[in-house]
Amino acid sequence: MTVAEMLSTGNQPERTCIGCRKKGPRSQLLRLVAEGSGSTAVLVDERRRMAGRGAWLHPSASCLALAVKRRAFGRALPGATEATAVERWITSGPNVDAAPVAATPTVQPESGSEI
């Protein structure tokens, strides 16, 4: 890493992608966690607040394919192997289920004298 790269990233924490094994700022990677309670599912932790051990992945199909090929989910998150939720998140993008909210203009009187 060059000096210019170090200065541009500032003091951001770095994490390693389980797919391509390259380091990057935490803000550019997805945090993944095991669902727990005996399940083998891997979930995307969008808010980065879920309990448990986390793994990090670039939000790209190529890194996902490398992670699946390398069986990285099972090593990074013991017992977790089913990454369908991660595949769905990457292929369809974040917040697909959220419906767009129409902006409604609020009309307020300019002075307090109008009723």
Protein backbone atom coordinates (compact mmCIF):
# COMPACT_ATOMS: atom_id res chain seq x y z
CA MET A 1 0.00 0.00 0.00
CA THR A 2 1.39 3.38 -0.97
CA VAL A 3 1.48 6.46 1.22
CA ALA A 4 -1.24 8.12 -0.90
CA GLU A 5 -3.55 5.13 -0.40
CA MET A 6 -2.93 5.19 3.34
CA LEU A 7 -3.74 8.89 3.53
CA SER A 8 -6.92 8.54 1.46
CA THR A 9 -8.34 5.77 3.65
CA GLY A 10 -7.64 7.69 6.84
CA ASN A 11 -8.20 5.79 10.05
CA GLN A 12 -10.94 3.52 8.73
CA PRO A 13 -10.80 -0.06 9.95
CA GLU A 14 -9.78 -2.59 7.30
CA ARG A 15 -11.32 -6.00 6.81
CA THR A 16 -10.42 -8.91 4.52
CA CYS A 17 -12.92 -10.18 1.96
CA ILE A 18 -13.53 -13.94 2.36
CA GLY A 19 -13.91 -14.23 -1.43
CA CYS A 20 -10.95 -12.49 -3.02
CA ARG A 21 -8.87 -12.26 0.20
CA LYS A 22 -8.09 -8.57 -0.46
CA LYS A 23 -8.22 -5.98 2.29
CA GLY A 24 -10.50 -2.99 2.07
CA PRO A 25 -12.20 -0.38 4.24
CA ARG A 26 -15.00 -1.77 6.36
CA SER A 27 -17.44 0.67 4.76
CA GLN A 28 -17.01 -1.01 1.34
CA LEU A 29 -17.64 -4.58 2.49
CA LEU A 30 -20.75 -6.50 3.57
CA ARG A 31 -20.82 -7.99 7.05
CA LEU A 32 -22.13 -11.53 7.13
CA VAL A 33 -23.22 -13.49 10.19
CA ALA A 34 -24.45 -17.01 10.86
CA GLU A 35 -28.16 -17.17 11.67
CA GLY A 36 -27.51 -19.27 14.76
CA SER A 37 -29.78 -21.61 16.73
CA GLY A 38 -28.69 -24.67 14.74
CA SER A 39 -29.32 -23.14 11.32
CA THR A 40 -26.75 -23.25 8.54
CA ALA A 41 -27.93 -19.99 6.90
CA VAL A 42 -25.67 -16.98 6.38
CA LEU A 43 -27.34 -13.56 6.69
CA VAL A 44 -26.32 -10.09 5.50
CA ASP A 45 -25.92 -7.74 8.46
CA GLU A 46 -26.77 -4.45 6.75
CA ARG A 47 -26.59 -2.35 9.93
CA ARG A 48 -23.47 -4.18 11.16
CA ARG A 49 -25.01 -4.68 14.59
CA MET A 50 -26.02 -8.35 14.74
CA ALA A 51 -24.54 -10.47 17.48
CA GLY A 52 -21.93 -13.08 16.81
CA ARG A 53 -18.86 -13.57 14.73
CA GLY A 54 -18.83 -11.71 11.45
CA ALA A 55 -17.26 -12.31 8.07
CA TRP A 56 -16.71 -9.70 5.37
CA LEU A 57 -17.36 -9.85 1.62
CA HIS A 58 -17.17 -7.36 -1.24
CA PRO A 59 -20.71 -6.82 -2.61
CA SER A 60 -19.88 -8.28 -6.02
CA ALA A 61 -20.87 -11.47 -7.79
CA SER A 62 -17.23 -12.35 -8.48
CA CYS A 63 -16.25 -12.27 -4.79
CA LEU A 64 -19.37 -14.26 -3.91
CA ALA A 65 -18.46 -16.90 -6.52
CA LEU A 66 -14.92 -17.12 -5.15
CA ALA A 67 -16.22 -17.48 -1.59
CA VAL A 68 -18.56 -20.30 -2.62
CA LYS A 69 -15.83 -22.01 -4.64
CA ARG A 70 -13.35 -21.79 -1.75
CA ARG A 71 -16.02 -22.87 0.79
CA ALA A 72 -15.10 -19.78 2.77
CA PHE A 73 -18.47 -19.41 4.52
CA GLY A 74 -17.99 -22.63 6.50
CA ARG A 75 -14.50 -21.61 7.60
CA ALA A 76 -15.27 -18.00 8.45
CA LEU A 77 -18.57 -18.80 10.18
CA PRO A 78 -18.37 -22.31 11.68
CA GLY A 79 -21.45 -24.36 10.87
CA ALA A 80 -22.81 -21.90 8.30
CA THR A 81 -22.83 -23.08 4.70
CA GLU A 82 -26.09 -21.92 3.09
CA ALA A 83 -25.52 -18.53 1.44
CA THR A 84 -28.79 -18.11 -0.48
CA ALA A 85 -29.68 -14.92 1.42
CA VAL A 86 -26.30 -13.42 0.50
CA GLU A 87 -26.72 -14.44 -3.15
CA ARG A 88 -30.20 -12.91 -3.22
CA TRP A 89 -28.91 -9.66 -1.64
CA ILE A 90 -26.05 -9.30 -4.12
CA THR A 91 -28.03 -10.18 -7.25
CA SER A 92 -31.04 -8.02 -6.47
CA GLY A 93 -29.35 -5.22 -4.54
CA PRO A 94 -30.12 -3.83 -1.09
CA ASN A 95 -33.62 -2.87 0.07
CA VAL A 96 -35.51 -4.48 -2.81
CA ASP A 97 -38.50 -5.25 -0.58
CA ALA A 98 -38.83 -1.63 0.49
CA ALA A 99 -41.51 0.18 -1.48
CA PRO A 100 -40.67 3.68 -2.69
CA VAL A 101 -42.34 6.35 -0.62
CA ALA A 102 -43.92 9.21 -2.53
CA ALA A 103 -42.91 12.61 -1.26
CA THR A 104 -45.96 14.58 -0.20
CA PRO A 105 -45.46 18.30 0.06
CA THR A 106 -46.45 19.86 3.33
CA VAL A 107 -48.25 23.15 3.09
CA GLN A 108 -47.79 25.45 6.02
CA PRO A 109 -48.93 29.07 6.30
CA GLU A 110 -46.24 31.70 6.07
CA SER A 111 -47.38 33.44 9.19
CA GLY A 112 -49.31 32.29 12.20
CA SER A 113 -52.38 34.41 11.35
CA GLU A 114 -53.88 32.07 8.74
CA ILE A 115 -56.39 29.53 9.87
